[in-house]
Amino acid sequence: MKAAAGSVSLLLGLGFGLPCVFAIRHFAQTGEVWTFMGFPTYGKGPFERIGVQTSNALLVGFLIVCIAEVVVGILIWAGTPYAAAASYALLPFELAFWIGFALPLGPVLGIARIGLLLIA
């Protein structure tokens, strides 16, 4: 179960983090949210509806959370004793970005990761 939880962490971190690098670059050059396959990547979601506009600072913050997710995934795979606690501590930050950017797979996979860690 721990290997599966670590894999989910890596999937989340890399799956959202790598596109975030492109989104940061695009936003810095154009001031607009990057669109991928017709969908805005990190914009037009609840953040904007409550008045939090997409910015490079917000995108960099999300990238930092994604990098932390990759680190947590590696720690889980390595069997580090505090890896599960780090995963639990990271979840509220992830949820804030996933919900704020309207990324529907994030919460599902994040909760699945927590479930796998609790079972393990």
PDB file of N, CA and C in Angstrom:
ATOM      1  N   MET A   1       0.816  -1.199   0.000  1.00  0.00           N
ATOM      2  CA  MET A   1       0.000   0.000   0.000  1.00  0.00           C
ATOM      3  C   MET A   1       0.860   1.264   0.000  1.00  0.00           C
ATOM      4  N   LYS A   2       1.998   1.194   0.701  1.00  0.00           N
ATOM      5  CA  LYS A   2       2.850   2.385   0.743  1.00  0.00           C
ATOM      6  C   LYS A   2       3.407   2.720  -0.633  1.00  0.00           C
ATOM      7  N   ALA A   3       3.767   1.687  -1.398  1.00  0.00           N
ATOM      8  CA  ALA A   3       4.274   1.937  -2.743  1.00  0.00           C
ATOM      9  C   ALA A   3       3.204   2.599  -3.604  1.00  0.00           C
ATOM     10  N   ALA A   4       1.970   2.169  -3.451  1.00  0.00           N
ATOM     11  CA  ALA A   4       0.863   2.777  -4.207  1.00  0.00           C
ATOM     12  C   ALA A   4       0.671   4.226  -3.775  1.00  0.00           C
ATOM     13  N   ALA A   5       0.734   4.479  -2.476  1.00  0.00           N
ATOM     14  CA  ALA A   5       0.588   5.855  -1.976  1.00  0.00           C
ATOM     15  C   ALA A   5       1.724   6.733  -2.490  1.00  0.00           C
ATOM     16  N   GLY A   6       2.942   6.206  -2.498  1.00  0.00           N
ATOM     17  CA  GLY A   6       4.078   6.952  -3.033  1.00  0.00           C
ATOM     18  C   GLY A   6       3.916   7.238  -4.511  1.00  0.00           C
ATOM     19  N   SER A   7       3.380   6.268  -5.234  1.00  0.00           N
ATOM     20  CA  SER A   7       3.139   6.456  -6.671  1.00  0.00           C
ATOM     21  C   SER A   7       2.096   7.533  -6.919  1.00  0.00           C
ATOM     22  N   VAL A   8       1.045   7.538  -6.100  1.00  0.00           N
ATOM     23  CA  VAL A   8       0.013   8.576  -6.240  1.00  0.00           C
ATOM     24  C   VAL A   8       0.622   9.947  -5.982  1.00  0.00           C
ATOM     25  N   SER A   9       1.478  10.043  -4.967  1.00  0.00           N
ATOM     26  CA  SER A   9       2.142  11.323  -4.682  1.00  0.00           C
ATOM     27  C   SER A   9       2.984  11.792  -5.851  1.00  0.00           C
ATOM     28  N   LEU A  10       3.742  10.876  -6.418  1.00  0.00           N
ATOM     29  CA  LEU A  10       4.572  11.238  -7.569  1.00  0.00           C
ATOM     30  C   LEU A  10       3.709  11.650  -8.762  1.00  0.00           C
ATOM     31  N   LEU A  11       2.631  10.919  -8.986  1.00  0.00           N
ATOM     32  CA  LEU A  11       1.719  11.254 -10.072  1.00  0.00           C
ATOM     33  C   LEU A  11       1.139  12.658  -9.883  1.00  0.00           C
ATOM     34  N   LEU A  12       0.698  12.958  -8.666  1.00  0.00           N
ATOM     35  CA  LEU A  12       0.147  14.283  -8.386  1.00  0.00           C
ATOM     36  C   LEU A  12       1.192  15.377  -8.551  1.00  0.00           C
ATOM     37  N   GLY A  13       2.358  15.171  -7.959  1.00  0.00           N
ATOM     38  CA  GLY A  13       3.399  16.192  -8.005  1.00  0.00           C
ATOM     39  C   GLY A  13       3.896  16.469  -9.406  1.00  0.00           C
ATOM     40  N   LEU A  14       4.162  15.405 -10.142  1.00  0.00           N
ATOM     41  CA  LEU A  14       4.659  15.584 -11.506  1.00  0.00           C
ATOM     42  C   LEU A  14       3.541  15.956 -12.469  1.00  0.00           C
ATOM     43  N   GLY A  15       2.373  15.359 -12.285  1.00  0.00           N
ATOM     44  CA  GLY A  15       1.247  15.601 -13.185  1.00  0.00           C
ATOM     45  C   GLY A  15       0.758  17.034 -13.159  1.00  0.00           C
ATOM     46  N   PHE A  16       0.798  17.673 -11.985  1.00  0.00           N
ATOM     47  CA  PHE A  16       0.406  19.069 -11.894  1.00  0.00           C
ATOM     48  C   PHE A  16       1.613  20.000 -11.936  1.00  0.00           C
ATOM     49  N   GLY A  17       2.760  19.535 -11.463  1.00  0.00           N
ATOM     50  CA  GLY A  17       3.941  20.388 -11.383  1.00  0.00           C
ATOM     51  C   GLY A  17       4.579  20.696 -12.722  1.00  0.00           C
ATOM     52  N   LEU A  18       4.714  19.686 -13.577  1.00  0.00           N
ATOM     53  CA  LEU A  18       5.344  19.927 -14.875  1.00  0.00           C
ATOM     54  C   LEU A  18       4.534  20.909 -15.723  1.00  0.00           C
ATOM     55  N   PRO A  19       3.205  20.744 -15.835  1.00  0.00           N
ATOM     56  CA  PRO A  19       2.447  21.765 -16.570  1.00  0.00           C
ATOM     57  C   PRO A  19       2.512  23.138 -15.902  1.00  0.00           C
ATOM     58  N   CYS A  20       2.668  23.161 -14.588  1.00  0.00           N
ATOM     59  CA  CYS A  20       2.744  24.435 -13.876  1.00  0.00           C
ATOM     60  C   CYS A  20       3.974  25.238 -14.314  1.00  0.00           C
ATOM     61  N   VAL A  21       5.065  24.556 -14.632  1.00  0.00           N
ATOM     62  CA  VAL A  21       6.264  25.240 -15.117  1.00  0.00           C
ATOM     63  C   VAL A  21       5.936  25.975 -16.416  1.00  0.00           C
ATOM     64  N   PHE A  22       5.221  25.299 -17.318  1.00  0.00           N
ATOM     65  CA  PHE A  22       4.821  25.936 -18.577  1.00  0.00           C
ATOM     66  C   PHE A  22       3.842  27.079 -18.317  1.00  0.00           C
ATOM     67  N   ALA A  23       2.945  26.875 -17.364  1.00  0.00           N
ATOM     68  CA  ALA A  23       1.962  27.920 -17.039  1.00  0.00           C
ATOM     69  C   ALA A  23       2.647  29.165 -16.483  1.00  0.00           C
ATOM     70  N   ILE A  24       3.657  28.975 -15.649  1.00  0.00           N
ATOM     71  CA  ILE A  24       4.406  30.113 -15.092  1.00  0.00           C
ATOM     72  C   ILE A  24       5.093  30.874 -16.215  1.00  0.00           C
ATOM     73  N   ARG A  25       5.740  30.149 -17.083  1.00  0.00           N
ATOM     74  CA  ARG A  25       6.457  30.781 -18.201  1.00  0.00           C
ATOM     75  C   ARG A  25       5.488  31.542 -19.095  1.00  0.00           C
ATOM     76  N   HIS A  26       4.370  30.899 -19.438  1.00  0.00           N
ATOM     77  CA  HIS A  26       3.382  31.537 -20.305  1.00  0.00           C
ATOM     78  C   HIS A  26       2.795  32.789 -19.643  1.00  0.00           C
ATOM     79  N   PHE A  27       2.460  32.679 -18.361  1.00  0.00           N
ATOM     80  CA  PHE A  27       1.868  33.810 -17.654  1.00  0.00           C
ATOM     81  C   PHE A  27       2.867  34.969 -17.559  1.00  0.00           C
ATOM     82  N   ALA A  28       4.133  34.655 -17.317  1.00  0.00           N
ATOM     83  CA  ALA A  28       5.159  35.700 -17.228  1.00  0.00           C
ATOM     84  C   ALA A  28       5.325  36.425 -18.561  1.00  0.00           C
ATOM     85  N   GLN A  29       5.186  35.696 -19.661  1.00  0.00           N
ATOM     86  CA  GLN A  29       5.374  36.301 -20.977  1.00  0.00           C
ATOM     87  C   GLN A  29       4.144  37.043 -21.481  1.00  0.00           C
ATOM     88  N   THR A  30       2.948  36.526 -21.158  1.00  0.00           N
ATOM     89  CA  THR A  30       1.736  37.086 -21.762  1.00  0.00           C
ATOM     90  C   THR A  30       0.780  37.734 -20.764  1.00  0.00           C
ATOM     91  N   GLY A  31       0.910  37.393 -19.487  1.00  0.00           N
ATOM     92  CA  GLY A  31      -0.036  37.904 -18.496  1.00  0.00           C
ATOM     93  C   GLY A  31      -1.376  37.182 -18.546  1.00  0.00           C
ATOM     94  N   GLU A  32      -1.416  36.079 -19.289  1.00  0.00           N
ATOM     95  CA  GLU A  32      -2.643  35.307 -19.436  1.00  0.00           C
ATOM     96  C   GLU A  32      -2.443  33.881 -18.947  1.00  0.00           C
ATOM     97  N   VAL A  33      -3.548  33.268 -18.550  1.00  0.00           N
ATOM     98  CA  VAL A  33      -3.527  31.877 -18.101  1.00  0.00           C
ATOM     99  C   VAL A  33      -3.271  30.982 -19.304  1.00  0.00           C
ATOM    100  N   TRP A  34      -2.376  30.021 -19.136  1.00  0.00           N
ATOM    101  CA  TRP A  34      -2.040  29.078 -20.200  1.00  0.00           C
ATOM    102  C   TRP A  34      -3.221  28.156 -20.442  1.00  0.00           C
ATOM    103  N   THR A  35      -3.547  27.931 -21.708  1.00  0.00           N
ATOM    104  CA  THR A  35      -4.621  27.022 -22.087  1.00  0.00           C
ATOM    105  C   THR A  35      -4.008  25.779 -22.700  1.00  0.00           C
ATOM    106  N   PHE A  36      -4.470  24.617 -22.229  1.00  0.00           N
ATOM    107  CA  PHE A  36      -3.978  23.336 -22.730  1.00  0.00           C
ATOM    108  C   PHE A  36      -5.179  22.517 -23.182  1.00  0.00           C
ATOM    109  N   MET A  37      -5.178  22.120 -24.447  1.00  0.00           N
ATOM    110  CA  MET A  37      -6.270  21.340 -25.033  1.00  0.00           C
ATOM    111  C   MET A  37      -7.621  22.035 -24.824  1.00  0.00           C
ATOM    112  N   GLY A  38      -7.623  23.357 -24.902  1.00  0.00           N
ATOM    113  CA  GLY A  38      -8.846  24.124 -24.807  1.00  0.00           C
ATOM    114  C   GLY A  38      -9.291  24.470 -23.395  1.00  0.00           C
ATOM    115  N   PHE A  39      -8.546  24.026 -22.389  1.00  0.00           N
ATOM    116  CA  PHE A  39      -8.918  24.283 -21.008  1.00  0.00           C
ATOM    117  C   PHE A  39      -7.887  25.193 -20.342  1.00  0.00           C
ATOM    118  N   PRO A  40      -8.359  26.170 -19.556  1.00  0.00           N
ATOM    119  CA  PRO A  40      -7.396  26.988 -18.803  1.00  0.00           C
ATOM    120  C   PRO A  40      -6.737  26.118 -17.739  1.00  0.00           C
ATOM    121  N   THR A  41      -5.425  26.145 -17.683  1.00  0.00           N
ATOM    122  CA  THR A  41      -4.727  25.234 -16.780  1.00  0.00           C
ATOM    123  C   THR A  41      -4.850  25.652 -15.328  1.00  0.00           C
ATOM    124  N   TYR A  42      -4.524  26.854 -15.004  1.00  0.00           N
ATOM    125  CA  TYR A  42      -4.534  27.294 -13.611  1.00  0.00           C
ATOM    126  C   TYR A  42      -5.195  28.662 -13.514  1.00  0.00           C
ATOM    127  N   GLY A  43      -6.456  28.689 -13.875  1.00  0.00           N
ATOM    128  CA  GLY A  43      -7.219  29.916 -13.831  1.00  0.00           C
ATOM    129  C   GLY A  43      -8.677  29.634 -14.117  1.00  0.00           C
ATOM    130  N   LYS A  44      -9.491  30.659 -14.002  1.00  0.00           N
ATOM    131  CA  LYS A  44     -10.924  30.574 -14.286  1.00  0.00           C
ATOM    132  C   LYS A  44     -11.659  29.653 -13.315  1.00  0.00           C
ATOM    133  N   GLY A  45     -11.113  29.425 -12.157  1.00  0.00           N
ATOM    134  CA  GLY A  45     -11.756  28.563 -11.168  1.00  0.00           C
ATOM    135  C   GLY A  45     -12.248  29.351  -9.971  1.00  0.00           C
ATOM    136  N   PRO A  46     -12.501  28.668  -8.869  1.00  0.00           N
ATOM    137  CA  PRO A  46     -12.984  29.323  -7.650  1.00  0.00           C
ATOM    138  C   PRO A  46     -12.079  30.442  -7.140  1.00  0.00           C
ATOM    139  N   PHE A  47     -10.766  30.323  -7.324  1.00  0.00           N
ATOM    140  CA  PHE A  47      -9.890  31.422  -6.903  1.00  0.00           C
ATOM    141  C   PHE A  47     -10.369  32.737  -7.516  1.00  0.00           C
ATOM    142  N   GLU A  48     -10.573  32.732  -8.819  1.00  0.00           N
ATOM    143  CA  GLU A  48     -10.973  33.964  -9.506  1.00  0.00           C
ATOM    144  C   GLU A  48     -12.375  34.388  -9.104  1.00  0.00           C
ATOM    145  N   ARG A  49     -13.259  33.435  -8.832  1.00  0.00           N
ATOM    146  CA  ARG A  49     -14.624  33.782  -8.428  1.00  0.00           C
ATOM    147  C   ARG A  49     -14.667  34.482  -7.072  1.00  0.00           C
ATOM    148  N   ILE A  50     -13.654  34.213  -6.224  1.00  0.00           N
ATOM    149  CA  ILE A  50     -13.624  34.896  -4.915  1.00  0.00           C
ATOM    150  C   ILE A  50     -12.689  36.101  -4.925  1.00  0.00           C
ATOM    151  N   GLY A  51     -12.137  36.412  -6.098  1.00  0.00           N
ATOM    152  CA  GLY A  51     -11.315  37.613  -6.228  1.00  0.00           C
ATOM    153  C   GLY A  51      -9.820  37.400  -6.175  1.00  0.00           C
ATOM    154  N   VAL A  52      -9.364  36.150  -6.126  1.00  0.00           N
ATOM    155  CA  VAL A  52      -7.927  35.858  -6.139  1.00  0.00           C
ATOM    156  C   VAL A  52      -7.535  35.609  -7.594  1.00  0.00           C
ATOM    157  N   GLN A  53      -6.909  36.601  -8.192  1.00  0.00           N
ATOM    158  CA  GLN A  53      -6.522  36.497  -9.596  1.00  0.00           C
ATOM    159  C   GLN A  53      -5.249  35.646  -9.734  1.00  0.00           C
ATOM    160  N   THR A  54      -5.182  34.913 -10.835  1.00  0.00           N
ATOM    161  CA  THR A  54      -3.977  34.143 -11.114  1.00  0.00           C
ATOM    162  C   THR A  54      -2.810  35.105 -11.251  1.00  0.00           C
ATOM    163  N   SER A  55      -1.701  34.752 -10.633  1.00  0.00           N
ATOM    164  CA  SER A  55      -0.481  35.555 -10.704  1.00  0.00           C
ATOM    165  C   SER A  55       0.700  34.606 -10.700  1.00  0.00           C
ATOM    166  N   ASN A  56       1.863  35.145 -11.037  1.00  0.00           N
ATOM    167  CA  ASN A  56       3.055  34.295 -10.981  1.00  0.00           C
ATOM    168  C   ASN A  56       3.322  33.827  -9.557  1.00  0.00           C
ATOM    169  N   ALA A  57       3.064  34.673  -8.576  1.00  0.00           N
ATOM    170  CA  ALA A  57       3.280  34.276  -7.184  1.00  0.00           C
ATOM    171  C   ALA A  57       2.383  33.098  -6.814  1.00  0.00           C
ATOM    172  N   LEU A  58       1.131  33.137  -7.239  1.00  0.00           N
ATOM    173  CA  LEU A  58       0.204  32.034  -6.954  1.00  0.00           C
ATOM    174  C   LEU A  58       0.649  30.758  -7.655  1.00  0.00           C
ATOM    175  N   LEU A  59       1.074  30.885  -8.900  1.00  0.00           N
ATOM    176  CA  LEU A  59       1.544  29.720  -9.652  1.00  0.00           C
ATOM    177  C   LEU A  59       2.823  29.145  -9.055  1.00  0.00           C
ATOM    178  N   VAL A  60       3.736  29.997  -8.645  1.00  0.00           N
ATOM    179  CA  VAL A  60       4.975  29.524  -8.015  1.00  0.00           C
ATOM    180  C   VAL A  60       4.655  28.831  -6.689  1.00  0.00           C
ATOM    181  N   GLY A  61       3.697  29.370  -5.940  1.00  0.00           N
ATOM    182  CA  GLY A  61       3.270  28.712  -4.710  1.00  0.00           C
ATOM    183  C   GLY A  61       2.762  27.308  -4.975  1.00  0.00           C
ATOM    184  N   PHE A  62       1.972  27.158  -6.032  1.00  0.00           N
ATOM    185  CA  PHE A  62       1.473  25.830  -6.389  1.00  0.00           C
ATOM    186  C   PHE A  62       2.612  24.917  -6.825  1.00  0.00           C
ATOM    187  N   LEU A  63       3.568  25.454  -7.567  1.00  0.00           N
ATOM    188  CA  LEU A  63       4.721  24.647  -7.980  1.00  0.00           C
ATOM    189  C   LEU A  63       5.501  24.160  -6.767  1.00  0.00           C
ATOM    190  N   ILE A  64       5.659  24.992  -5.767  1.00  0.00           N
ATOM    191  CA  ILE A  64       6.353  24.587  -4.540  1.00  0.00           C
ATOM    192  C   ILE A  64       5.604  23.441  -3.865  1.00  0.00           C
ATOM    193  N   VAL A  65       4.282  23.530  -3.832  1.00  0.00           N
ATOM    194  CA  VAL A  65       3.482  22.444  -3.259  1.00  0.00           C
ATOM    195  C   VAL A  65       3.670  21.161  -4.086  1.00  0.00           C
ATOM    196  N   CYS A  66       3.727  21.286  -5.408  1.00  0.00           N
ATOM    197  CA  CYS A  66       3.943  20.117  -6.269  1.00  0.00           C
ATOM    198  C   CYS A  66       5.317  19.492  -6.029  1.00  0.00           C
ATOM    199  N   ILE A  67       6.327  20.321  -5.853  1.00  0.00           N
ATOM    200  CA  ILE A  67       7.668  19.808  -5.560  1.00  0.00           C
ATOM    201  C   ILE A  67       7.663  19.084  -4.217  1.00  0.00           C
ATOM    202  N   ALA A  68       6.981  19.666  -3.232  1.00  0.00           N
ATOM    203  CA  ALA A  68       6.868  19.000  -1.925  1.00  0.00           C
ATOM    204  C   ALA A  68       6.156  17.664  -2.069  1.00  0.00           C
ATOM    205  N   GLU A  69       5.185  17.590  -2.952  1.00  0.00           N
ATOM    206  CA  GLU A  69       4.460  16.341  -3.198  1.00  0.00           C
ATOM    207  C   GLU A  69       5.392  15.268  -3.755  1.00  0.00           C
ATOM    208  N   VAL A  70       6.258  15.649  -4.676  1.00  0.00           N
ATOM    209  CA  VAL A  70       7.228  14.696  -5.225  1.00  0.00           C
ATOM    210  C   VAL A  70       8.168  14.214  -4.115  1.00  0.00           C
ATOM    211  N   VAL A  71       8.624  15.125  -3.280  1.00  0.00           N
ATOM    212  CA  VAL A  71       9.502  14.754  -2.164  1.00  0.00           C
ATOM    213  C   VAL A  71       8.782  13.791  -1.231  1.00  0.00           C
ATOM    214  N   VAL A  72       7.522  14.076  -0.919  1.00  0.00           N
ATOM    215  CA  VAL A  72       6.739  13.182  -0.052  1.00  0.00           C
ATOM    216  C   VAL A  72       6.609  11.807  -0.696  1.00  0.00           C
ATOM    217  N   GLY A  73       6.360  11.767  -1.991  1.00  0.00           N
ATOM    218  CA  GLY A  73       6.270  10.483  -2.691  1.00  0.00           C
ATOM    219  C   GLY A  73       7.551   9.672  -2.578  1.00  0.00           C
ATOM    220  N   ILE A  74       8.678  10.331  -2.732  1.00  0.00           N
ATOM    221  CA  ILE A  74       9.976   9.650  -2.598  1.00  0.00           C
ATOM    222  C   ILE A  74      10.169   9.159  -1.167  1.00  0.00           C
ATOM    223  N   LEU A  75       9.797   9.986  -0.197  1.00  0.00           N
ATOM    224  CA  LEU A  75       9.923   9.587   1.214  1.00  0.00           C
ATOM    225  C   LEU A  75       9.031   8.397   1.535  1.00  0.00           C
ATOM    226  N   ILE A  76       7.828   8.387   0.984  1.00  0.00           N
ATOM    227  CA  ILE A  76       6.929   7.248   1.210  1.00  0.00           C
ATOM    228  C   ILE A  76       7.538   5.983   0.620  1.00  0.00           C
ATOM    229  N   TRP A  77       8.020   6.071  -0.608  1.00  0.00           N
ATOM    230  CA  TRP A  77       8.641   4.914  -1.247  1.00  0.00           C
ATOM    231  C   TRP A  77       9.841   4.405  -0.460  1.00  0.00           C
ATOM    232  N   ALA A  78      10.610   5.340   0.095  1.00  0.00           N
ATOM    233  CA  ALA A  78      11.811   4.969   0.845  1.00  0.00           C
ATOM    234  C   ALA A  78      11.470   4.409   2.225  1.00  0.00           C
ATOM    235  N   GLY A  79      10.214   4.516   2.630  1.00  0.00           N
ATOM    236  CA  GLY A  79       9.814   3.999   3.934  1.00  0.00           C
ATOM    237  C   GLY A  79      10.236   4.885   5.093  1.00  0.00           C
ATOM    238  N   THR A  80      10.438   6.164   4.834  1.00  0.00           N
ATOM    239  CA  THR A  80      10.828   7.098   5.879  1.00  0.00           C
ATOM    240  C   THR A  80       9.716   7.170   6.926  1.00  0.00           C
ATOM    241  N   PRO A  81      10.062   7.081   8.214  1.00  0.00           N
ATOM    242  CA  PRO A  81       9.038   7.018   9.258  1.00  0.00           C
ATOM    243  C   PRO A  81       8.060   8.200   9.289  1.00  0.00           C
ATOM    244  N   TYR A  82       8.506   9.404   8.965  1.00  0.00           N
ATOM    245  CA  TYR A  82       7.648  10.576   9.052  1.00  0.00           C
ATOM    246  C   TYR A  82       6.973  10.931   7.720  1.00  0.00           C
ATOM    247  N   ALA A  83       7.102  10.075   6.726  1.00  0.00           N
ATOM    248  CA  ALA A  83       6.556  10.378   5.402  1.00  0.00           C
ATOM    249  C   ALA A  83       5.041  10.509   5.432  1.00  0.00           C
ATOM    250  N   ALA A  84       4.361   9.630   6.145  1.00  0.00           N
ATOM    251  CA  ALA A  84       2.902   9.710   6.214  1.00  0.00           C
ATOM    252  C   ALA A  84       2.471  11.013   6.883  1.00  0.00           C
ATOM    253  N   ALA A  85       3.145  11.399   7.954  1.00  0.00           N
ATOM    254  CA  ALA A  85       2.815  12.652   8.640  1.00  0.00           C
ATOM    255  C   ALA A  85       3.029  13.841   7.704  1.00  0.00           C
ATOM    256  N   ALA A  86       4.095  13.810   6.924  1.00  0.00           N
ATOM    257  CA  ALA A  86       4.350  14.893   5.962  1.00  0.00           C
ATOM    258  C   ALA A  86       3.245  14.931   4.912  1.00  0.00           C
ATOM    259  N   SER A  87       2.785  13.768   4.494  1.00  0.00           N
ATOM    260  CA  SER A  87       1.699  13.699   3.528  1.00  0.00           C
ATOM    261  C   SER A  87       0.420  14.297   4.086  1.00  0.00           C
ATOM    262  N   TYR A  88       0.105  13.976   5.334  1.00  0.00           N
ATOM    263  CA  TYR A  88      -1.095  14.526   5.975  1.00  0.00           C
ATOM    264  C   TYR A  88      -0.970  16.046   6.113  1.00  0.00           C
ATOM    265  N   ALA A  89       0.201  16.519   6.470  1.00  0.00           N
ATOM    266  CA  ALA A  89       0.414  17.960   6.666  1.00  0.00           C
ATOM    267  C   ALA A  89       0.326  18.734   5.346  1.00  0.00           C
ATOM    268  N   LEU A  90       0.713  18.106   4.261  1.00  0.00           N
ATOM    269  CA  LEU A  90       0.701  18.758   2.956  1.00  0.00           C
ATOM    270  C   LEU A  90      -0.705  18.849   2.360  1.00  0.00           C
ATOM    271  N   LEU A  91      -1.579  17.927   2.736  1.00  0.00           N
ATOM    272  CA  LEU A  91      -2.898  17.832   2.115  1.00  0.00           C
ATOM    273  C   LEU A  91      -3.717  19.130   2.146  1.00  0.00           C
ATOM    274  N   PRO A  92      -3.786  19.874   3.252  1.00  0.00           N
ATOM    275  CA  PRO A  92      -4.587  21.114   3.219  1.00  0.00           C
ATOM    276  C   PRO A  92      -4.092  22.140   2.191  1.00  0.00           C
ATOM    277  N   PHE A  93      -2.791  22.220   2.005  1.00  0.00           N
ATOM    278  CA  PHE A  93      -2.233  23.151   1.018  1.00  0.00           C
ATOM    279  C   PHE A  93      -2.587  22.689  -0.397  1.00  0.00           C
ATOM    280  N   GLU A  94      -2.468  21.385  -0.615  1.00  0.00           N
ATOM    281  CA  GLU A  94      -2.832  20.831  -1.921  1.00  0.00           C
ATOM    282  C   GLU A  94      -4.310  21.081  -2.212  1.00  0.00           C
ATOM    283  N   LEU A  95      -5.146  20.772  -1.232  1.00  0.00           N
ATOM    284  CA  LEU A  95      -6.587  20.958  -1.421  1.00  0.00           C
ATOM    285  C   LEU A  95      -6.926  22.401  -1.767  1.00  0.00           C
ATOM    286  N   ALA A  96      -6.285  23.341  -1.109  1.00  0.00           N
ATOM    287  CA  ALA A  96      -6.548  24.753  -1.390  1.00  0.00           C
ATOM    288  C   ALA A  96      -6.270  25.075  -2.858  1.00  0.00           C
ATOM    289  N   PHE A  97      -5.151  24.607  -3.376  1.00  0.00           N
ATOM    290  CA  PHE A  97      -4.813  24.876  -4.777  1.00  0.00           C
ATOM    291  C   PHE A  97      -5.688  24.068  -5.731  1.00  0.00           C
ATOM    292  N   TRP A  98      -5.893  22.785  -5.446  1.00  0.00           N
ATOM    293  CA  TRP A  98      -6.717  21.957  -6.334  1.00  0.00           C
ATOM    294  C   TRP A  98      -8.115  22.519  -6.465  1.00  0.00           C
ATOM    295  N   ILE A  99      -8.702  22.902  -5.342  1.00  0.00           N
ATOM    296  CA  ILE A  99     -10.052  23.461  -5.377  1.00  0.00           C
ATOM    297  C   ILE A  99     -10.028  24.848  -5.998  1.00  0.00           C
ATOM    298  N   GLY A 100      -9.064  25.669  -5.608  1.00  0.00           N
ATOM    299  CA  GLY A 100      -8.977  27.033  -6.123  1.00  0.00           C
ATOM    300  C   GLY A 100      -8.754  27.108  -7.622  1.00  0.00           C
ATOM    301  N   PHE A 101      -8.014  26.155  -8.173  1.00  0.00           N
ATOM    302  CA  PHE A 101      -7.774  26.116  -9.614  1.00  0.00           C
ATOM    303  C   PHE A 101      -8.748  25.188 -10.333  1.00  0.00           C
ATOM    304  N   ALA A 102      -9.708  24.605  -9.606  1.00  0.00           N
ATOM    305  CA  ALA A 102     -10.710  23.692 -10.173  1.00  0.00           C
ATOM    306  C   ALA A 102     -10.050  22.499 -10.868  1.00  0.00           C
ATOM    307  N   LEU A 103      -9.174  21.815 -10.133  1.00  0.00           N
ATOM    308  CA  LEU A 103      -8.492  20.626 -10.650  1.00  0.00           C
ATOM    309  C   LEU A 103      -9.148  19.392 -10.025  1.00  0.00           C
ATOM    310  N   PRO A 104     -10.140  18.801 -10.701  1.00  0.00           N
ATOM    311  CA  PRO A 104     -10.972  17.780 -10.073  1.00  0.00           C
ATOM    312  C   PRO A 104     -10.256  16.498  -9.684  1.00  0.00           C
ATOM    313  N   LEU A 105      -9.213  16.116 -10.385  1.00  0.00           N
ATOM    314  CA  LEU A 105      -8.522  14.867 -10.027  1.00  0.00           C
ATOM    315  C   LEU A 105      -7.664  15.008  -8.773  1.00  0.00           C
ATOM    316  N   GLY A 106      -7.244  16.211  -8.455  1.00  0.00           N
ATOM    317  CA  GLY A 106      -6.390  16.421  -7.290  1.00  0.00           C
ATOM    318  C   GLY A 106      -6.998  15.920  -5.994  1.00  0.00           C
ATOM    319  N   PRO A 107      -8.180  16.405  -5.615  1.00  0.00           N
ATOM    320  CA  PRO A 107      -8.768  15.945  -4.353  1.00  0.00           C
ATOM    321  C   PRO A 107      -9.025  14.440  -4.325  1.00  0.00           C
ATOM    322  N   VAL A 108      -9.470  13.882  -5.438  1.00  0.00           N
ATOM    323  CA  VAL A 108      -9.757  12.443  -5.493  1.00  0.00           C
ATOM    324  C   VAL A 108      -8.491  11.643  -5.235  1.00  0.00           C
ATOM    325  N   LEU A 109      -7.415  11.989  -5.947  1.00  0.00           N
ATOM    326  CA  LEU A 109      -6.157  11.253  -5.776  1.00  0.00           C
ATOM    327  C   LEU A 109      -5.506  11.556  -4.427  1.00  0.00           C
ATOM    328  N   GLY A 110      -5.625  12.786  -3.952  1.00  0.00           N
ATOM    329  CA  GLY A 110      -5.059  13.125  -2.646  1.00  0.00           C
ATOM    330  C   GLY A 110      -5.714  12.342  -1.522  1.00  0.00           C
ATOM    331  N   ILE A 111      -7.027  12.234  -1.575  1.00  0.00           N
ATOM    332  CA  ILE A 111      -7.741  11.471  -0.558  1.00  0.00           C
ATOM    333  C   ILE A 111      -7.443   9.981  -0.706  1.00  0.00           C
ATOM    334  N   ALA A 112      -7.294   9.508  -1.933  1.00  0.00           N
ATOM    335  CA  ALA A 112      -6.904   8.111  -2.147  1.00  0.00           C
ATOM    336  C   ALA A 112      -5.533   7.839  -1.534  1.00  0.00           C
ATOM    337  N   ARG A 113      -4.598   8.783  -1.700  1.00  0.00           N
ATOM    338  CA  ARG A 113      -3.264   8.626  -1.111  1.00  0.00           C
ATOM    339  C   ARG A 113      -3.349   8.516   0.400  1.00  0.00           C
ATOM    340  N   ILE A 114      -4.148   9.376   1.010  1.00  0.00           N
ATOM    341  CA  ILE A 114      -4.309   9.338   2.460  1.00  0.00           C
ATOM    342  C   ILE A 114      -4.918   8.008   2.885  1.00  0.00           C
ATOM    343  N   GLY A 115      -5.929   7.554   2.148  1.00  0.00           N
ATOM    344  CA  GLY A 115      -6.543   6.253   2.450  1.00  0.00           C
ATOM    345  C   GLY A 115      -5.550   5.111   2.378  1.00  0.00           C
ATOM    346  N   LEU A 116      -4.711   5.121   1.348  1.00  0.00           N
ATOM    347  CA  LEU A 116      -3.701   4.070   1.197  1.00  0.00           C
ATOM    348  C   LEU A 116      -2.710   4.105   2.356  1.00  0.00           C
ATOM    349  N   LEU A 117      -2.347   5.305   2.802  1.00  0.00           N
ATOM    350  CA  LEU A 117      -1.409   5.415   3.918  1.00  0.00           C
ATOM    351  C   LEU A 117      -2.053   4.951   5.221  1.00  0.00           C
ATOM    352  N   LEU A 118      -3.325   5.244   5.408  1.00  0.00           N
ATOM    353  CA  LEU A 118      -4.008   4.803   6.626  1.00  0.00           C
ATOM    354  C   LEU A 118      -4.144   3.282   6.672  1.00  0.00           C
ATOM    355  N   ILE A 119      -4.366   2.674   5.517  1.00  0.00           N
ATOM    356  CA  ILE A 119      -4.466   1.216   5.450  1.00  0.00           C
ATOM    357  C   ILE A 119      -3.114   0.558   5.719  1.00  0.00           C
ATOM    358  N   ALA A 120      -2.049   1.194   5.208  1.00  0.00           N
ATOM    359  CA  ALA A 120      -0.697   0.613   5.331  1.00  0.00           C
ATOM    360  C   ALA A 120      -0.233   0.656   6.723  1.00  0.00           C
TER     361      ALA A 120
END
